N, C-alpha and C. Protein backbone atom coordinates (compact mmCIF):
# COMPACT_ATOMS: atom_id res chain seq x y z
N MET A 1 18.14 48.41 8.13
CA MET A 1 17.84 47.60 6.97
C MET A 1 18.95 46.58 6.71
N ALA A 2 20.20 47.02 6.82
CA ALA A 2 21.32 46.13 6.61
C ALA A 2 21.36 45.06 7.70
N LYS A 3 20.95 45.44 8.92
CA LYS A 3 20.92 44.46 10.01
C LYS A 3 19.91 43.36 9.72
N ASP A 4 18.76 43.74 9.16
CA ASP A 4 17.72 42.76 8.84
C ASP A 4 18.23 41.74 7.82
N LEU A 5 18.91 42.20 6.80
CA LEU A 5 19.45 41.29 5.79
C LEU A 5 20.50 40.37 6.39
N GLU A 6 21.32 40.93 7.27
CA GLU A 6 22.36 40.13 7.91
C GLU A 6 21.74 39.07 8.82
N LEU A 7 20.66 39.42 9.53
CA LEU A 7 19.98 38.46 10.40
C LEU A 7 19.33 37.35 9.59
N GLU A 8 18.78 37.70 8.44
CA GLU A 8 18.16 36.69 7.59
C GLU A 8 19.19 35.69 7.10
N LYS A 9 20.37 36.15 6.75
CA LYS A 9 21.43 35.26 6.27
C LYS A 9 21.88 34.30 7.35
N ASN A 10 21.89 34.76 8.60
CA ASN A 10 22.36 33.95 9.71
C ASN A 10 21.26 33.14 10.37
N SER A 11 20.02 33.30 9.94
CA SER A 11 18.91 32.59 10.58
C SER A 11 18.94 31.11 10.22
N PRO A 12 18.36 30.26 11.08
CA PRO A 12 18.31 28.82 10.79
C PRO A 12 17.52 28.50 9.53
N GLU A 13 16.51 29.29 9.23
CA GLU A 13 15.71 29.04 8.04
C GLU A 13 16.54 29.18 6.78
N ALA A 14 17.40 30.17 6.76
CA ALA A 14 18.25 30.39 5.59
C ALA A 14 19.21 29.23 5.41
N SER A 15 19.75 28.71 6.50
CA SER A 15 20.68 27.58 6.38
C SER A 15 19.94 26.31 5.95
N ASP A 16 18.67 26.15 6.39
CA ASP A 16 17.87 25.00 5.96
C ASP A 16 17.65 25.03 4.46
N LYS A 17 17.37 26.23 3.93
CA LYS A 17 17.14 26.35 2.49
C LYS A 17 18.38 25.98 1.70
N SER A 18 19.53 26.43 2.18
CA SER A 18 20.76 26.13 1.45
C SER A 18 21.09 24.64 1.54
N GLU A 19 20.77 24.00 2.68
CA GLU A 19 21.00 22.56 2.81
C GLU A 19 20.10 21.78 1.87
N LYS A 20 18.85 22.22 1.74
CA LYS A 20 17.92 21.52 0.85
C LYS A 20 18.40 21.59 -0.59
N LYS A 21 18.92 22.75 -0.98
CA LYS A 21 19.43 22.88 -2.34
C LYS A 21 20.60 21.94 -2.57
N SER A 22 21.50 21.83 -1.59
CA SER A 22 22.66 20.96 -1.75
C SER A 22 22.24 19.50 -1.73
N ASP A 23 21.19 19.14 -0.94
CA ASP A 23 20.70 17.77 -0.92
C ASP A 23 20.13 17.38 -2.27
N LYS A 24 19.39 18.28 -2.88
CA LYS A 24 18.82 17.99 -4.19
C LYS A 24 19.91 17.78 -5.22
N LYS A 25 20.94 18.59 -5.14
CA LYS A 25 22.04 18.47 -6.09
C LYS A 25 22.76 17.14 -5.88
N GLY A 26 22.97 16.75 -4.61
CA GLY A 26 23.64 15.49 -4.31
C GLY A 26 22.83 14.29 -4.79
N ALA A 27 21.52 14.36 -4.64
CA ALA A 27 20.66 13.28 -5.10
C ALA A 27 20.72 13.16 -6.61
N LYS A 28 20.78 14.30 -7.28
CA LYS A 28 20.84 14.28 -8.74
C LYS A 28 22.16 13.67 -9.21
N ASP A 29 23.25 14.02 -8.52
CA ASP A 29 24.55 13.48 -8.88
C ASP A 29 24.59 11.97 -8.71
N SER A 30 23.98 11.46 -7.62
CA SER A 30 24.00 10.01 -7.39
C SER A 30 23.18 9.28 -8.44
N LYS A 31 22.08 9.89 -8.89
CA LYS A 31 21.28 9.27 -9.95
C LYS A 31 22.08 9.19 -11.24
N GLU A 32 22.82 10.25 -11.52
CA GLU A 32 23.62 10.24 -12.75
C GLU A 32 24.70 9.17 -12.68
N LYS A 33 25.31 8.97 -11.52
CA LYS A 33 26.34 7.95 -11.37
C LYS A 33 25.75 6.56 -11.59
N ASN A 34 24.56 6.31 -11.01
CA ASN A 34 23.92 5.01 -11.20
C ASN A 34 23.57 4.77 -12.66
N ALA A 35 23.12 5.81 -13.33
CA ALA A 35 22.74 5.68 -14.73
C ALA A 35 23.96 5.38 -15.59
N LYS A 36 25.11 5.96 -15.24
CA LYS A 36 26.32 5.75 -16.03
C LYS A 36 26.94 4.39 -15.76
N GLY A 37 26.87 3.94 -14.49
CA GLY A 37 27.53 2.71 -14.10
C GLY A 37 26.87 1.47 -14.67
N LYS A 38 25.56 1.34 -14.53
CA LYS A 38 24.83 0.17 -15.00
C LYS A 38 23.60 0.62 -15.77
N LYS A 39 23.30 -0.12 -16.79
CA LYS A 39 22.06 0.15 -17.50
C LYS A 39 20.96 -0.67 -16.84
N PRO A 40 19.83 -0.05 -16.52
CA PRO A 40 18.74 -0.82 -15.91
C PRO A 40 18.13 -1.76 -16.94
N LYS A 41 17.68 -2.92 -16.45
CA LYS A 41 17.01 -3.86 -17.34
C LYS A 41 15.66 -3.28 -17.72
N LYS A 42 15.26 -3.55 -18.93
CA LYS A 42 14.00 -2.98 -19.40
C LYS A 42 13.09 -4.08 -19.90
N GLY A 43 11.82 -3.76 -19.91
CA GLY A 43 10.85 -4.56 -20.59
C GLY A 43 10.33 -5.74 -19.82
N ILE A 44 9.86 -6.69 -20.58
CA ILE A 44 9.14 -7.83 -20.02
C ILE A 44 10.07 -8.79 -19.29
N VAL A 45 11.32 -8.86 -19.70
CA VAL A 45 12.27 -9.76 -19.03
C VAL A 45 12.46 -9.31 -17.58
N LYS A 46 12.63 -8.02 -17.37
CA LYS A 46 12.80 -7.48 -16.02
C LYS A 46 11.54 -7.75 -15.19
N TYR A 47 10.38 -7.59 -15.80
CA TYR A 47 9.12 -7.82 -15.10
C TYR A 47 9.04 -9.25 -14.58
N PHE A 48 9.35 -10.22 -15.43
CA PHE A 48 9.25 -11.62 -15.01
C PHE A 48 10.33 -11.99 -14.01
N LYS A 49 11.51 -11.43 -14.12
CA LYS A 49 12.55 -11.69 -13.12
C LYS A 49 12.15 -11.13 -11.77
N ASP A 50 11.57 -9.93 -11.76
CA ASP A 50 11.10 -9.34 -10.51
C ASP A 50 9.95 -10.15 -9.92
N ALA A 51 9.04 -10.61 -10.79
CA ALA A 51 7.91 -11.40 -10.31
C ALA A 51 8.41 -12.71 -9.69
N LYS A 52 9.39 -13.34 -10.32
CA LYS A 52 9.94 -14.59 -9.80
C LYS A 52 10.57 -14.37 -8.43
N SER A 53 11.30 -13.27 -8.27
CA SER A 53 11.94 -13.01 -6.98
C SER A 53 10.89 -12.70 -5.91
N GLU A 54 9.78 -12.07 -6.28
CA GLU A 54 8.72 -11.80 -5.30
C GLU A 54 8.00 -13.09 -4.90
N PHE A 55 7.82 -14.02 -5.85
CA PHE A 55 7.16 -15.29 -5.52
C PHE A 55 8.01 -16.10 -4.55
N LYS A 56 9.31 -15.94 -4.59
CA LYS A 56 10.17 -16.65 -3.64
C LYS A 56 9.98 -16.15 -2.22
N LYS A 57 9.52 -14.91 -2.06
CA LYS A 57 9.31 -14.32 -0.74
C LYS A 57 7.98 -14.72 -0.11
N VAL A 58 7.07 -15.28 -0.91
CA VAL A 58 5.73 -15.62 -0.43
C VAL A 58 5.79 -16.81 0.51
N VAL A 59 5.05 -16.73 1.61
CA VAL A 59 4.94 -17.86 2.54
C VAL A 59 3.62 -18.56 2.21
N TRP A 60 3.72 -19.72 1.58
CA TRP A 60 2.54 -20.44 1.14
C TRP A 60 1.96 -21.25 2.30
N PRO A 61 0.62 -21.32 2.41
CA PRO A 61 0.02 -22.11 3.50
C PRO A 61 0.13 -23.60 3.21
N THR A 62 0.14 -24.37 4.28
CA THR A 62 0.17 -25.83 4.14
C THR A 62 -1.22 -26.31 3.71
N PRO A 63 -1.32 -27.53 3.18
CA PRO A 63 -2.64 -28.05 2.82
C PRO A 63 -3.60 -28.10 4.01
N LYS A 64 -3.09 -28.39 5.19
CA LYS A 64 -3.95 -28.43 6.38
C LYS A 64 -4.51 -27.04 6.69
N GLU A 65 -3.66 -26.01 6.60
CA GLU A 65 -4.11 -24.64 6.84
C GLU A 65 -5.14 -24.20 5.79
N THR A 66 -4.92 -24.61 4.56
CA THR A 66 -5.84 -24.26 3.48
C THR A 66 -7.21 -24.89 3.71
N THR A 67 -7.22 -26.16 4.11
CA THR A 67 -8.47 -26.86 4.40
C THR A 67 -9.20 -26.18 5.56
N HIS A 68 -8.47 -25.87 6.62
CA HIS A 68 -9.07 -25.22 7.78
C HIS A 68 -9.68 -23.87 7.40
N ASN A 69 -8.94 -23.08 6.65
CA ASN A 69 -9.44 -21.76 6.25
C ASN A 69 -10.66 -21.88 5.34
N THR A 70 -10.67 -22.88 4.47
CA THR A 70 -11.81 -23.10 3.59
C THR A 70 -13.06 -23.45 4.39
N VAL A 71 -12.90 -24.31 5.39
CA VAL A 71 -14.03 -24.69 6.25
C VAL A 71 -14.56 -23.46 7.00
N VAL A 72 -13.67 -22.65 7.51
CA VAL A 72 -14.08 -21.45 8.24
C VAL A 72 -14.87 -20.51 7.32
N VAL A 73 -14.41 -20.34 6.11
CA VAL A 73 -15.11 -19.46 5.16
C VAL A 73 -16.49 -20.02 4.83
N LEU A 74 -16.60 -21.32 4.59
CA LEU A 74 -17.90 -21.92 4.26
C LEU A 74 -18.88 -21.80 5.43
N VAL A 75 -18.41 -22.02 6.64
CA VAL A 75 -19.28 -21.91 7.82
C VAL A 75 -19.77 -20.47 7.98
N MET A 76 -18.87 -19.51 7.81
CA MET A 76 -19.26 -18.10 7.95
C MET A 76 -20.25 -17.69 6.86
N CYS A 77 -20.08 -18.22 5.65
CA CYS A 77 -21.03 -17.93 4.57
C CYS A 77 -22.40 -18.50 4.89
N ALA A 78 -22.43 -19.72 5.43
CA ALA A 78 -23.70 -20.33 5.81
C ALA A 78 -24.39 -19.54 6.92
N LEU A 79 -23.62 -19.10 7.93
CA LEU A 79 -24.20 -18.31 9.01
C LEU A 79 -24.74 -16.97 8.50
N ALA A 80 -24.01 -16.34 7.61
CA ALA A 80 -24.47 -15.08 7.03
C ALA A 80 -25.74 -15.29 6.22
N ALA A 81 -25.80 -16.39 5.47
CA ALA A 81 -26.99 -16.69 4.67
C ALA A 81 -28.19 -16.92 5.58
N LEU A 82 -27.99 -17.65 6.68
CA LEU A 82 -29.09 -17.88 7.62
C LEU A 82 -29.55 -16.57 8.26
N PHE A 83 -28.63 -15.71 8.60
CA PHE A 83 -28.98 -14.43 9.20
C PHE A 83 -29.80 -13.59 8.22
N VAL A 84 -29.37 -13.51 6.99
CA VAL A 84 -30.09 -12.72 5.98
C VAL A 84 -31.46 -13.34 5.72
N PHE A 85 -31.54 -14.66 5.65
CA PHE A 85 -32.82 -15.34 5.45
C PHE A 85 -33.77 -15.03 6.61
N GLY A 86 -33.26 -15.12 7.84
CA GLY A 86 -34.10 -14.84 9.01
C GLY A 86 -34.57 -13.39 9.03
N LEU A 87 -33.68 -12.47 8.74
CA LEU A 87 -34.03 -11.05 8.71
C LEU A 87 -35.06 -10.78 7.61
N ASP A 88 -34.88 -11.38 6.45
CA ASP A 88 -35.81 -11.21 5.34
C ASP A 88 -37.19 -11.77 5.70
N SER A 89 -37.20 -12.93 6.32
CA SER A 89 -38.48 -13.53 6.72
C SER A 89 -39.20 -12.66 7.75
N LEU A 90 -38.47 -12.17 8.74
CA LEU A 90 -39.05 -11.33 9.77
C LEU A 90 -39.61 -10.04 9.18
N LEU A 91 -38.85 -9.38 8.33
CA LEU A 91 -39.32 -8.14 7.72
C LEU A 91 -40.50 -8.39 6.77
N GLY A 92 -40.49 -9.52 6.08
CA GLY A 92 -41.62 -9.88 5.22
C GLY A 92 -42.88 -10.10 6.03
N LEU A 93 -42.75 -10.76 7.18
CA LEU A 93 -43.88 -10.99 8.07
C LEU A 93 -44.42 -9.67 8.62
N LEU A 94 -43.53 -8.79 9.07
CA LEU A 94 -43.94 -7.48 9.56
C LEU A 94 -44.59 -6.65 8.47
N ASN A 95 -44.06 -6.74 7.27
CA ASN A 95 -44.63 -6.02 6.13
C ASN A 95 -46.06 -6.50 5.87
N GLY A 96 -46.26 -7.80 5.93
CA GLY A 96 -47.59 -8.36 5.71
C GLY A 96 -48.57 -7.93 6.80
N LEU A 97 -48.13 -7.85 8.03
CA LEU A 97 -49.00 -7.45 9.14
C LEU A 97 -49.36 -5.97 9.07
N VAL A 98 -48.41 -5.15 8.70
CA VAL A 98 -48.64 -3.69 8.70
C VAL A 98 -49.51 -3.28 7.51
N PHE A 99 -49.31 -3.84 6.35
CA PHE A 99 -49.99 -3.34 5.15
C PHE A 99 -51.19 -4.17 4.73
N ARG A 100 -51.76 -4.99 5.60
CA ARG A 100 -52.99 -5.73 5.26
C ARG A 100 -54.20 -4.95 5.58
């Protein structure tokens, strides 16, 4: 029985558990240090400052790219509309033939 307890203490699983406990404690200590060192900005001012910094990261398309993408979308919409119209017409015709 004593051997079993001694083996459990020396097993890798036991050391993993103790490391996890120490990691949690270390993470808590670092959070406390950050909280003491600087006060985080709060409220709407922080929100708008963060939004402004994110907008600076955006890669905006050129007017030429925007025009090209708009044309592609319009063409695809027209093709989809034609496909749905053709399918609707075909099914309507088949419906009329079957149920007359």
